[in-house]
C-alpha atoms as a PDB file:
ATOM      1  CA  MET A   1       0.000   0.000   0.000  1.00  0.00           C
ATOM      2  CA  SER A   2       1.511   3.349  -1.102  1.00  0.00           C
ATOM      3  CA  ASP A   3       2.459   5.860   1.534  1.00  0.00           C
ATOM      4  CA  ASP A   4       0.810   8.493  -0.691  1.00  0.00           C
ATOM      5  CA  THR A   5      -2.566   6.845  -0.289  1.00  0.00           C
ATOM      6  CA  SER A   6      -4.819   8.930   1.906  1.00  0.00           C
ATOM      7  CA  ARG A   7      -5.717   7.229   5.142  1.00  0.00           C
ATOM      8  CA  LYS A   8      -9.254   8.513   4.718  1.00  0.00           C
ATOM      9  CA  ARG A   9     -11.811   6.457   2.815  1.00  0.00           C
ATOM     10  CA  ALA A  10     -11.568   7.350  -0.890  1.00  0.00           C
ATOM     11  CA  ARG A  11     -14.657   8.548  -2.790  1.00  0.00           C
ATOM     12  CA  LEU A  12     -15.874   5.792  -5.115  1.00  0.00           C
ATOM     13  CA  ASP A  13     -16.874   6.050  -8.723  1.00  0.00           C
ATOM     14  CA  GLU A  14     -20.101   4.340  -9.666  1.00  0.00           C
ATOM     15  CA  GLY A  15     -19.664   0.576  -9.896  1.00  0.00           C
ATOM     16  CA  GLU A  16     -16.486   0.426  -7.783  1.00  0.00           C
ATOM     17  CA  GLU A  17     -16.311  -1.641  -4.598  1.00  0.00           C
ATOM     18  CA  ALA A  18     -15.066  -0.211  -1.323  1.00  0.00           C
ATOM     19  CA  VAL A  19     -11.557  -1.214  -0.241  1.00  0.00           C
ATOM     20  CA  GLU A  20     -10.927  -0.958   3.490  1.00  0.00           C
ATOM     21  CA  LEU A  21      -8.107   1.422   4.357  1.00  0.00           C
ATOM     22  CA  PRO A  22      -6.486   2.178   7.693  1.00  0.00           C
ATOM     23  CA  THR A  23      -8.314   4.707   9.784  1.00  0.00           C
ATOM     24  CA  ASP A  24      -7.021   8.238  10.233  1.00  0.00           C
ATOM     25  CA  ASP A  25      -3.596   8.600  11.852  1.00  0.00           C
ATOM     26  CA  CYS A  26      -2.856   4.883  11.488  1.00  0.00           C
ATOM     27  CA  THR A  27      -0.516   2.991   9.200  1.00  0.00           C
ATOM     28  CA  ALA A  28      -1.262  -0.278   7.451  1.00  0.00           C
ATOM     29  CA  ASP A  29       1.288  -2.953   8.261  1.00  0.00           C
ATOM     30  CA  ALA A  30       3.154  -3.931   5.115  1.00  0.00           C
ATOM     31  CA  GLU A  31       3.289  -7.613   6.029  1.00  0.00           C
ATOM     32  CA  PHE A  32      -0.155  -8.216   7.500  1.00  0.00           C
ATOM     33  CA  TRP A  33      -2.757  -6.341   5.509  1.00  0.00           C
ATOM     34  CA  PHE A  34      -4.906  -8.875   3.685  1.00  0.00           C
ATOM     35  CA  ASP A  35      -7.534  -7.334   1.409  1.00  0.00           C
ATOM     36  CA  ASP A  36      -9.945 -10.139   2.295  1.00  0.00           C
ATOM     37  CA  GLY A  37      -9.149 -10.017   6.014  1.00  0.00           C
ATOM     38  CA  ASN A  38     -12.135  -9.834   8.344  1.00  0.00           C
ATOM     39  CA  ILE A  39     -10.658  -8.243  11.478  1.00  0.00           C
ATOM     40  CA  ILE A  40      -8.340  -5.303  12.107  1.00  0.00           C
ATOM     41  CA  LEU A  41      -5.940  -5.352  15.043  1.00  0.00           C
ATOM     42  CA  GLU A  42      -4.419  -2.021  16.012  1.00  0.00           C
ATOM     43  CA  ALA A  43      -1.170  -1.721  17.964  1.00  0.00           C
ATOM     44  CA  LYS A  44       0.139   1.752  18.751  1.00  0.00           C
ATOM     45  CA  GLY A  45      -0.829   3.355  15.448  1.00  0.00           C
ATOM     46  CA  THR A  46      -0.192   0.351  13.206  1.00  0.00           C
ATOM     47  CA  GLN A  47      -3.124  -1.666  11.908  1.00  0.00           C
ATOM     48  CA  PHE A  48      -3.077  -5.323  10.869  1.00  0.00           C
ATOM     49  CA  LYS A  49      -5.932  -6.580   8.696  1.00  0.00           C
ATOM     50  CA  VAL A  50      -5.961 -10.327   9.231  1.00  0.00           C
ATOM     51  CA  TYR A  51      -8.285 -13.308   9.563  1.00  0.00           C
ATOM     52  CA  GLU A  52     -10.474 -14.151  12.514  1.00  0.00           C
ATOM     53  CA  GLY A  53     -10.215 -17.891  11.880  1.00  0.00           C
ATOM     54  CA  PRO A  54      -6.681 -18.545  13.211  1.00  0.00           C
ATOM     55  CA  LEU A  55      -7.276 -16.247  16.185  1.00  0.00           C
ATOM     56  CA  ILE A  56     -10.489 -18.041  17.113  1.00  0.00           C
ATOM     57  CA  ALA A  57      -8.946 -21.479  16.529  1.00  0.00           C
ATOM     58  CA  HIS A  58      -5.885 -20.949  18.711  1.00  0.00           C
ATOM     59  CA  SER A  59      -6.834 -18.288  21.260  1.00  0.00           C
ATOM     60  CA  PRO A  60      -9.692 -18.734  23.763  1.00  0.00           C
ATOM     61  CA  PHE A  61      -9.244 -15.046  24.576  1.00  0.00           C
ATOM     62  CA  PHE A  62     -10.065 -13.924  21.032  1.00  0.00           C
ATOM     63  CA  ARG A  63     -12.683 -16.650  20.654  1.00  0.00           C
ATOM     64  CA  ASP A  64     -14.619 -15.379  23.648  1.00  0.00           C
ATOM     65  CA  MET A  65     -14.146 -11.718  22.777  1.00  0.00           C
ATOM     66  CA  LEU A  66     -15.266 -12.084  19.172  1.00  0.00           C
ATOM     67  CA  SER A  67     -18.297 -14.149  20.178  1.00  0.00           C
ATOM     68  CA  LEU A  68     -19.724 -11.174  22.067  1.00  0.00           C
ATOM     69  CA  PRO A  69     -22.193  -8.881  20.270  1.00  0.00           C
ATOM     70  CA  GLN A  70     -20.450  -5.811  18.892  1.00  0.00           C
ATOM     71  CA  PRO A  71     -21.636  -2.467  20.314  1.00  0.00           C
ATOM     72  CA  GLN A  72     -23.883  -0.528  17.991  1.00  0.00           C
ATOM     73  CA  GLY A  73     -21.832   1.873  15.912  1.00  0.00           C
ATOM     74  CA  ALA A  74     -18.554   0.078  16.668  1.00  0.00           C
ATOM     75  CA  THR A  75     -18.017  -0.536  12.957  1.00  0.00           C
ATOM     76  CA  ALA A  76     -19.084   1.483   9.952  1.00  0.00           C
ATOM     77  CA  GLY A  77     -21.179  -0.336   7.394  1.00  0.00           C
ATOM     78  CA  ASN A  78     -19.562  -3.620   6.401  1.00  0.00           C
ATOM     79  CA  ALA A  79     -16.177  -2.677   7.836  1.00  0.00           C
ATOM     80  CA  PRO A  80     -14.467  -5.475   9.807  1.00  0.00           C
ATOM     81  CA  PRO A  81     -14.325  -5.135  13.583  1.00  0.00           C
ATOM     82  CA  LEU A  82     -11.448  -3.096  14.984  1.00  0.00           C
ATOM     83  CA  VAL A  83      -9.663  -4.375  18.088  1.00  0.00           C
ATOM     84  CA  LYS A  84      -7.129  -2.096  19.779  1.00  0.00           C
ATOM     85  CA  LEU A  85      -4.312  -3.872  21.601  1.00  0.00           C
ATOM     86  CA  PRO A  86      -1.663  -2.435  23.950  1.00  0.00           C
ATOM     87  CA  GLU A  87       1.232  -4.370  22.395  1.00  0.00           C
ATOM     88  CA  SER A  88       3.944  -2.846  20.226  1.00  0.00           C
ATOM     89  CA  PRO A  89       3.672  -3.409  16.450  1.00  0.00           C
ATOM     90  CA  GLU A  90       6.912  -5.416  16.564  1.00  0.00           C
ATOM     91  CA  ASP A  91       5.601  -7.837  19.189  1.00  0.00           C
ATOM     92  CA  LEU A  92       2.224  -8.223  17.494  1.00  0.00           C
ATOM     93  CA  ARG A  93       3.901  -8.868  14.141  1.00  0.00           C
ATOM     94  CA  HIS A  94       5.925 -11.752  15.611  1.00  0.00           C
ATOM     95  CA  PHE A  95       2.748 -13.135  17.188  1.00  0.00           C
ATOM     96  CA  LEU A  96       0.837 -12.978  13.899  1.00  0.00           C
ATOM     97  CA  ARG A  97       3.679 -14.642  11.995  1.00  0.00           C
ATOM     98  CA  ALA A  98       3.140 -17.687  14.174  1.00  0.00           C
ATOM     99  CA  LEU A  99      -0.614 -17.783  13.511  1.00  0.00           C
ATOM    100  CA  MET A 100      -1.393 -16.275  10.116  1.00  0.00           C
ATOM    101  CA  PRO A 101      -0.697 -17.613   6.609  1.00  0.00           C
ATOM    102  CA  SER A 102       2.369 -16.125   4.965  1.00  0.00           C
ATOM    103  CA  LYS A 103       2.302 -14.170   1.730  1.00  0.00           C
ATOM    104  CA  GLU A 104       5.561 -15.854   0.724  1.00  0.00           C
ATOM    105  CA  ILE A 105       6.344 -19.479  -0.095  1.00  0.00           C
ATOM    106  CA  ARG A 106       9.645 -20.468   1.525  1.00  0.00           C
ATOM    107  CA  PRO A 107       9.754 -24.275   1.632  1.00  0.00           C
ATOM    108  CA  PHE A 108      13.536 -24.675   1.699  1.00  0.00           C
ATOM    109  CA  ILE A 109      14.505 -22.005   4.222  1.00  0.00           C
ATOM    110  CA  PRO A 110      14.766 -23.332   7.789  1.00  0.00           C
ATOM    111  CA  PRO A 111      12.685 -21.386  10.295  1.00  0.00           C
ATOM    112  CA  GLN A 112      14.575 -18.551  11.906  1.00  0.00           C
ATOM    113  CA  ARG A 113      14.247 -18.105  15.651  1.00  0.00           C
ATOM    114  CA  PRO A 114      15.443 -14.628  16.602  1.00  0.00           C
ATOM    115  CA  PHE A 115      15.261 -14.133  20.333  1.00  0.00           C
ATOM    116  CA  ASN A 116      12.884 -11.171  20.080  1.00  0.00           C
ATOM    117  CA  ALA A 117      10.462 -13.303  18.089  1.00  0.00           C
ATOM    118  CA  VAL A 118      10.555 -16.149  20.614  1.00  0.00           C
ATOM    119  CA  SER A 119      10.129 -13.736  23.511  1.00  0.00           C
ATOM    120  CA  ALA A 120       7.175 -11.942  21.908  1.00  0.00           C
ATOM    121  CA  CYS A 121       5.426 -15.198  21.011  1.00  0.00           C
ATOM    122  CA  ILE A 122       5.734 -16.524  24.558  1.00  0.00           C
ATOM    123  CA  ARG A 123       4.573 -13.298  26.194  1.00  0.00           C
ATOM    124  CA  LEU A 124       1.631 -12.690  23.851  1.00  0.00           C
ATOM    125  CA  GLY A 125       0.844 -16.387  23.704  1.00  0.00           C
ATOM    126  CA  HIS A 126       0.602 -16.434  27.494  1.00  0.00           C
ATOM    127  CA  LYS A 127      -1.551 -13.298  27.576  1.00  0.00           C
ATOM    128  CA  TYR A 128      -3.931 -14.422  24.833  1.00  0.00           C
ATOM    129  CA  GLN A 129      -3.965 -18.071  25.923  1.00  0.00           C
ATOM    130  CA  VAL A 130      -2.287 -19.606  22.874  1.00  0.00           C
ATOM    131  CA  ASP A 131      -0.892 -22.479  24.913  1.00  0.00           C
ATOM    132  CA  ARG A 132       0.778 -24.331  22.049  1.00  0.00           C
ATOM    133  CA  LEU A 133       2.766 -21.249  21.111  1.00  0.00           C
ATOM    134  CA  VAL A 134       3.962 -20.832  24.694  1.00  0.00           C
ATOM    135  CA  GLU A 135       4.936 -24.504  24.903  1.00  0.00           C
ATOM    136  CA  GLU A 136       6.956 -24.362  21.684  1.00  0.00           C
ATOM    137  CA  GLY A 137       8.705 -21.167  22.746  1.00  0.00           C
ATOM    138  CA  LEU A 138       9.644 -22.545  26.163  1.00  0.00           C
ATOM    139  CA  LYS A 139      10.808 -25.778  24.571  1.00  0.00           C
ATOM    140  CA  TYR A 140      13.211 -23.800  22.396  1.00  0.00           C
ATOM    141  CA  LEU A 141      14.474 -21.682  25.304  1.00  0.00           C
ATOM    142  CA  ARG A 142      15.113 -24.872  27.237  1.00  0.00           C
ATOM    143  CA  THR A 143      17.728 -25.856  24.655  1.00  0.00           C
ATOM    144  CA  LEU A 144      19.539 -22.554  25.258  1.00  0.00           C
ATOM    145  CA  TYR A 145      19.056 -22.458  29.033  1.00  0.00           C
ATOM    146  CA  PRO A 146      19.046 -26.191  29.841  1.00  0.00           C
ATOM    147  CA  ASP A 147      18.146 -27.870  33.095  1.00  0.00           C
ATOM    148  CA  ASP A 148      20.231 -30.979  32.474  1.00  0.00           C
ATOM    149  CA  PHE A 149      23.995 -31.192  32.154  1.00  0.00           C
ATOM    150  CA  SER A 150      23.990 -33.466  29.107  1.00  0.00           C
ATOM    151  CA  THR A 151      22.184 -30.813  27.049  1.00  0.00           C
ATOM    152  CA  LEU A 152      24.564 -28.119  28.266  1.00  0.00           C
ATOM    153  CA  GLU A 153      27.555 -30.293  27.386  1.00  0.00           C
ATOM    154  CA  LYS A 154      26.327 -30.806  23.812  1.00  0.00           C
ATOM    155  CA  ARG A 155      25.606 -27.130  23.221  1.00  0.00           C
ATOM    156  CA  ARG A 156      27.893 -25.580  20.633  1.00  0.00           C
ATOM    157  CA  ASP A 157      29.624 -22.254  21.245  1.00  0.00           C
ATOM    158  CA  GLU A 158      27.582 -20.537  18.524  1.00  0.00           C
ATOM    159  CA  GLU A 159      24.404 -21.595  20.307  1.00  0.00           C
ATOM    160  CA  VAL A 160      25.275 -19.697  23.484  1.00  0.00           C
ATOM    161  CA  PRO A 161      22.879 -16.720  23.574  1.00  0.00           C
ATOM    162  CA  ASP A 162      23.834 -13.144  24.327  1.00  0.00           C
ATOM    163  CA  ALA A 163      24.077 -12.694  28.088  1.00  0.00           C
ATOM    164  CA  ALA A 164      21.658  -9.728  27.982  1.00  0.00           C
ATOM    165  CA  TYR A 165      18.884 -12.047  26.759  1.00  0.00           C
ATOM    166  CA  ALA A 166      19.025 -13.768  30.138  1.00  0.00           C
ATOM    167  CA  ILE A 167      17.220 -10.829  31.765  1.00  0.00           C
ATOM    168  CA  SER A 168      14.232 -11.424  29.501  1.00  0.00           C
ATOM    169  CA  VAL A 169      14.444 -15.190  30.048  1.00  0.00           C
ATOM    170  CA  VAL A 170      14.298 -14.768  33.829  1.00  0.00           C
ATOM    171  CA  ASN A 171      11.177 -12.627  33.438  1.00  0.00           C
ATOM    172  CA  ILE A 172       9.634 -15.141  31.033  1.00  0.00           C
ATOM    173  CA  ALA A 173      10.319 -17.925  33.527  1.00  0.00           C
ATOM    174  CA  ARG A 174       8.607 -15.915  36.262  1.00  0.00           C
ATOM    175  CA  LEU A 175       5.654 -15.123  33.987  1.00  0.00           C
ATOM    176  CA  THR A 176       5.034 -18.685  32.837  1.00  0.00           C
ATOM    177  CA  GLY A 177       6.209 -20.657  35.860  1.00  0.00           C
ATOM    178  CA  ALA A 178       9.048 -22.228  33.852  1.00  0.00           C
ATOM    179  CA  ASP A 179      11.401 -22.346  36.846  1.00  0.00           C
ATOM    180  CA  TYR A 180      13.723 -24.788  35.079  1.00  0.00           C
ATOM    181  CA  LEU A 181      15.036 -21.851  33.013  1.00  0.00           C
ATOM    182  CA  LEU A 182      16.084 -19.846  36.062  1.00  0.00           C
ATOM    183  CA  PRO A 183      19.430 -21.380  37.164  1.00  0.00           C
ATOM    184  CA  VAL A 184      21.288 -20.953  33.867  1.00  0.00           C
ATOM    185  CA  ALA A 185      19.551 -17.658  33.047  1.00  0.00           C
ATOM    186  CA  LEU A 186      20.362 -16.142  36.447  1.00  0.00           C
ATOM    187  CA  ALA A 187      23.953 -17.389  36.198  1.00  0.00           C
ATOM    188  CA  GLN A 188      24.266 -15.639  32.828  1.00  0.00           C
ATOM    189  CA  CYS A 189      22.789 -12.463  34.299  1.00  0.00           C
ATOM    190  CA  CYS A 190      25.693 -12.496  36.758  1.00  0.00           C
ATOM    191  CA  GLN A 191      28.068 -12.103  33.795  1.00  0.00           C
ATOM    192  CA  LEU A 192      26.587  -8.720  32.867  1.00  0.00           C
ATOM    193  CA  ARG A 193      28.448  -6.883  35.631  1.00  0.00           C
ATOM    194  CA  SER A 194      27.128  -3.316  35.971  1.00  0.00           C
ATOM    195  CA  ASP A 195      25.112  -3.664  32.754  1.00  0.00           C
ATOM    196  CA  ILE A 196      22.652  -5.813  34.668  1.00  0.00           C
ATOM    197  CA  VAL A 197      20.928  -2.662  35.960  1.00  0.00           C
ATOM    198  CA  LYS A 198      20.494  -1.312  32.414  1.00  0.00           C
ATOM    199  CA  GLY A 199      18.046  -4.071  31.590  1.00  0.00           C
ATOM    200  CA  PHE A 200      17.344  -5.692  28.226  1.00  0.00           C
ATOM    201  CA  ARG A 201      16.293  -3.448  25.334  1.00  0.00           C
ATOM    202  CA  ARG A 202      13.726  -5.022  23.049  1.00  0.00           C
ATOM    203  CA  GLU A 203      13.616  -4.275  19.348  1.00  0.00           C
ATOM    204  CA  ASP A 204      10.715  -1.849  19.873  1.00  0.00           C
ATOM    205  CA  GLY A 205      12.945   0.278  22.107  1.00  0.00           C
ATOM    206  CA  THR A 206      11.320  -0.606  25.422  1.00  0.00           C
ATOM    207  CA  CYS A 207      13.446  -1.988  28.251  1.00  0.00           C
ATOM    208  CA  GLU A 208      12.680  -4.741  30.694  1.00  0.00           C
ATOM    209  CA  TYR A 209      14.481  -5.204  33.978  1.00  0.00           C
ATOM    210  CA  LEU A 210      14.942  -7.860  36.603  1.00  0.00           C
ATOM    211  CA  SER A 211      12.750  -7.564  39.661  1.00  0.00           C
ATOM    212  CA  THR A 212      14.506  -6.147  42.713  1.00  0.00           C
ATOM    213  CA  VAL A 213      14.395  -9.614  44.276  1.00  0.00           C
ATOM    214  CA  ASP A 214      16.094 -11.277  41.297  1.00  0.00           C
ATOM    215  CA  LEU A 215      18.557  -8.400  40.999  1.00  0.00           C
ATOM    216  CA  GLY A 216      19.607  -8.887  44.618  1.00  0.00           C
ATOM    217  CA  ARG A 217      19.771 -12.618  44.025  1.00  0.00           C
ATOM    218  CA  CYS A 218      22.263 -12.033  41.193  1.00  0.00           C
ATOM    219  CA  PHE A 219      24.441  -9.725  43.300  1.00  0.00           C
ATOM    220  CA  GLN A 220      24.711 -12.430  45.942  1.00  0.00           C
ATOM    221  CA  ALA A 221      25.113 -15.298  43.475  1.00  0.00           C
ATOM    222  CA  LYS A 222      27.971 -13.667  41.589  1.00  0.00           C
ATOM    223  CA  GLU A 223      30.379 -14.035  44.511  1.00  0.00           C
ATOM    224  CA  LEU A 224      29.276 -17.608  45.155  1.00  0.00           C
ATOM    225  CA  LEU A 225      29.723 -18.555  41.501  1.00  0.00           C
ATOM    226  CA  ILE A 226      33.208 -17.047  41.329  1.00  0.00           C
ATOM    227  CA  GLU A 227      34.250 -18.871  44.493  1.00  0.00           C
ATOM    228  CA  ALA A 228      32.835 -22.179  43.231  1.00  0.00           C
ATOM    229  CA  ARG A 229      34.570 -21.830  39.864  1.00  0.00           C
ATOM    230  CA  VAL A 230      37.939 -21.011  41.405  1.00  0.00           C
ATOM    231  CA  GLN A 231      37.688 -23.946  43.806  1.00  0.00           C
ATOM    232  CA  ALA A 232      36.759 -26.239  40.927  1.00  0.00           C
ATOM    233  CA  ALA A 233      39.672 -25.029  38.806  1.00  0.00           C
ATOM    234  CA  LEU A 234      42.180 -25.462  41.621  1.00  0.00           C
ATOM    235  CA  SER A 235      40.936 -28.944  42.414  1.00  0.00           C
ATOM    236  CA  ILE A 236      41.394 -29.977  38.776  1.00  0.00           C
ATOM    237  CA  PHE A 237      45.049 -28.956  38.849  1.00  0.00           C
ATOM    238  CA  ASP A 238      45.841 -30.459  42.221  1.00  0.00           C
ATOM    239  CA  GLY A 239      49.295 -31.591  41.176  1.00  0.00           C
ATOM    240  CA  ILE A 240      48.614 -35.337  40.987  1.00  0.00           C
ATOM    241  CA  PRO A 241      49.742 -36.812  37.661  1.00  0.00           C
ATOM    242  CA  ALA A 242      47.648 -39.466  35.976  1.00  0.00           C
ATOM    243  CA  LYS A 243      48.130 -43.036  37.163  1.00  0.00           C
ATOM    244  CA  ASP A 244      49.517 -44.054  33.780  1.00  0.00           C
ATOM    245  CA  CYS A 245      51.453 -40.831  33.225  1.00  0.00           C
ATOM    246  CA  LEU A 246      53.945 -41.317  30.387  1.00  0.00           C
ATOM    247  CA  GLU A 247      56.367 -38.859  32.046  1.00  0.00           C
ATOM    248  CA  VAL A 248      57.598 -37.581  28.719  1.00  0.00           C
ATOM    249  CA  VAL A 249      57.713 -34.009  29.974  1.00  0.00           C
ATOM    250  CA  PRO A 250      58.280 -32.590  33.478  1.00  0.00           C
ATOM    251  CA  LEU A 251      55.137 -30.459  33.181  1.00  0.00           C
ATOM    252  CA  CYS A 252      53.157 -33.405  34.573  1.00  0.00           C
ATOM    253  CA  ARG A 253      54.666 -32.873  38.025  1.00  0.00           C
ATOM    254  CA  GLY A 254      52.629 -31.249  40.737  1.00  0.00           C
ATOM    255  CA  ASP A 255      54.864 -28.294  41.491  1.00  0.00           C
ATOM    256  CA  VAL A 256      54.872 -27.276  37.852  1.00  0.00           C
ATOM    257  CA  PHE A 257      51.083 -27.276  37.766  1.00  0.00           C
ATOM    258  CA  ARG A 258      51.019 -24.573  40.376  1.00  0.00           C
ATOM    259  CA  LYS A 259      53.987 -22.671  38.983  1.00  0.00           C
ATOM    260  CA  TRP A 260      52.385 -22.476  35.557  1.00  0.00           C
ATOM    261  CA  TRP A 261      48.905 -21.640  36.763  1.00  0.00           C
ATOM    262  CA  PRO A 262      49.125 -17.935  35.730  1.00  0.00           C
ATOM    263  CA  ALA A 263      50.007 -19.006  32.190  1.00  0.00           C
ATOM    264  CA  LEU A 264      48.064 -22.235  32.038  1.00  0.00           C
ATOM    265  CA  SER A 265      47.354 -21.993  28.328  1.00  0.00           C
ATOM    266  CA  TYR A 266      51.053 -22.453  27.621  1.00  0.00           C
ATOM    267  CA  CYS A 267      51.638 -25.500  29.786  1.00  0.00           C
ATOM    268  CA  VAL A 268      48.529 -27.587  29.116  1.00  0.00           C
ATOM    269  CA  PRO A 269      49.426 -28.378  25.472  1.00  0.00           C
ATOM    270  CA  SER A 270      52.743 -29.806  26.728  1.00  0.00           C
ATOM    271  CA  LEU A 271      51.180 -32.441  28.984  1.00  0.00           C
ATOM    272  CA  CYS A 272      51.488 -36.081  28.098  1.00  0.00           C
ATOM    273  CA  ARG A 273      48.451 -37.749  26.588  1.00  0.00           C
ATOM    274  CA  GLU A 274      47.461 -39.576  29.776  1.00  0.00           C
ATOM    275  CA  CYS A 275      47.591 -36.461  31.941  1.00  0.00           C
ATOM    276  CA  ASP A 276      45.753 -34.450  29.309  1.00  0.00           C
ATOM    277  CA  ASP A 277      42.955 -37.038  29.298  1.00  0.00           C
ATOM    278  CA  MET A 278      42.903 -37.010  33.089  1.00  0.00           C
ATOM    279  CA  LEU A 279      42.465 -33.232  33.157  1.00  0.00           C
ATOM    280  CA  ALA A 280      39.694 -33.391  30.555  1.00  0.00           C
ATOM    281  CA  ARG A 281      37.784 -35.940  32.649  1.00  0.00           C
ATOM    282  CA  ALA A 282      38.357 -33.923  35.816  1.00  0.00           C
ATOM    283  CA  ASN A 283      37.174 -30.759  34.102  1.00  0.00           C
ATOM    284  CA  THR A 284      33.935 -32.417  32.965  1.00  0.00           C
ATOM    285  CA  GLN A 285      33.361 -33.837  36.431  1.00  0.00           C
ATOM    286  CA  LYS A 286      33.828 -30.455  38.114  1.00  0.00           C
ATOM    287  CA  GLN A 287      31.520 -28.796  35.594  1.00  0.00           C
ATOM    288  CA  ARG A 288      28.894 -31.420  36.338  1.00  0.00           C
ATOM    289  CA  GLU A 289      29.269 -30.873  40.095  1.00  0.00           C
ATOM    290  CA  LEU A 290      28.944 -27.119  39.669  1.00  0.00           C
ATOM    291  CA  PHE A 291      25.856 -27.526  37.480  1.00  0.00           C
ATOM    292  CA  PHE A 292      24.322 -29.828  40.096  1.00  0.00           C
ATOM    293  CA  ARG A 293      24.690 -27.041  42.678  1.00  0.00           C
ATOM    294  CA  LEU A 294      23.577 -24.223  40.363  1.00  0.00           C
ATOM    295  CA  PRO A 295      20.050 -23.689  41.792  1.00  0.00           C
ATOM    296  CA  GLU A 296      21.531 -23.470  45.290  1.00  0.00           C
ATOM    297  CA  LEU A 297      24.201 -21.007  44.148  1.00  0.00           C
ATOM    298  CA  VAL A 298      21.711 -18.649  42.461  1.00  0.00           C
ATOM    299  CA  GLY A 299      19.149 -18.996  45.232  1.00  0.00           C
ATOM    300  CA  VAL A 300      16.239 -20.802  43.557  1.00  0.00           C
ATOM    301  CA  VAL A 301      14.489 -24.140  43.960  1.00  0.00           C
ATOM    302  CA  VAL A 302      13.798 -26.195  40.836  1.00  0.00           C
ATOM    303  CA  GLN A 303      11.823 -29.412  41.002  1.00  0.00           C
ATOM    304  CA  GLU A 304      13.516 -32.459  39.438  1.00  0.00           C
ATOM    305  CA  TRP A 305      16.869 -30.668  39.056  1.00  0.00           C
ATOM    306  CA  ARG A 306      18.696 -32.983  41.438  1.00  0.00           C
ATOM    307  CA  ARG A 307      17.149 -36.102  39.953  1.00  0.00           C
ATOM    308  CA  LYS A 308      18.000 -35.085  36.383  1.00  0.00           C
ATOM    309  CA  ASN A 309      21.551 -34.123  37.301  1.00  0.00           C
ATOM    310  CA  ARG A 310      22.388 -36.823  39.824  1.00  0.00           C
ATOM    311  CA  MET A 311      26.117 -37.403  39.943  1.00  0.00           C
ATOM    312  CA  PRO A 312      27.208 -40.629  38.183  1.00  0.00           C
ATOM    313  CA  TYR A 313      29.612 -42.646  40.327  1.00  0.00           C
END
């Protein structure tokens, strides 16, 4: 729709049919304005002309609302009903992408999952009771903020989300009751340092912040996490060579472990194969132990965490 098109209803020549245009002072969304749509959703000055069917099928909220008789004069003539929503256009657009048919055919492009899209779908899905959308969003977040060590261990470096996203994830967990997201998300919040008080800026420009309770929890957890990590690292390099140490290089001796600790990256490649394998196993074990204690360290209780992460002996 051209930007030059007047937002007022155009005068029709005889024989022409009326085409619904956005109301005054509103903009038609370029992606979701279907000429045959039968409902208009308005979000902060942007209107989306879409279909009632998917909304009614997936959202009890919209189903109940649209089943009510419309007030007299609420719509002009045969114009579709107009529903004003408090969401930002960006959030509503992500929500509609999950529910409405697409104008484009993209069969060979894998679905993209930008964090802002996942966040918006969960928040609006929760508000408008689209349970399946919430479940799918939380399922995806669980792969990024896992509650079992095996999933964390398999996660590739490129799959590690930006630490700032963790603020939004903590709030999503609080909103939906998905407590299993909290330990890893809160631990990542602790990495933000002073930026933690700046909050997370969404793509629509608004910011969301941790609650004062969770903010205080992070301040306390940061010291505990640092202490636990240092203790784990020191216990890995305790100076005991592997049982089957090949003793090819003197770096496998205990005193050298400690001497080289400030420049560990230079000494580890020089270890014999047996000691290198021993350190790798010890590192994994200490990571597992730390993960097992994570809810305790960040000050939350998560059901099933201990059972799912029970230490293998």
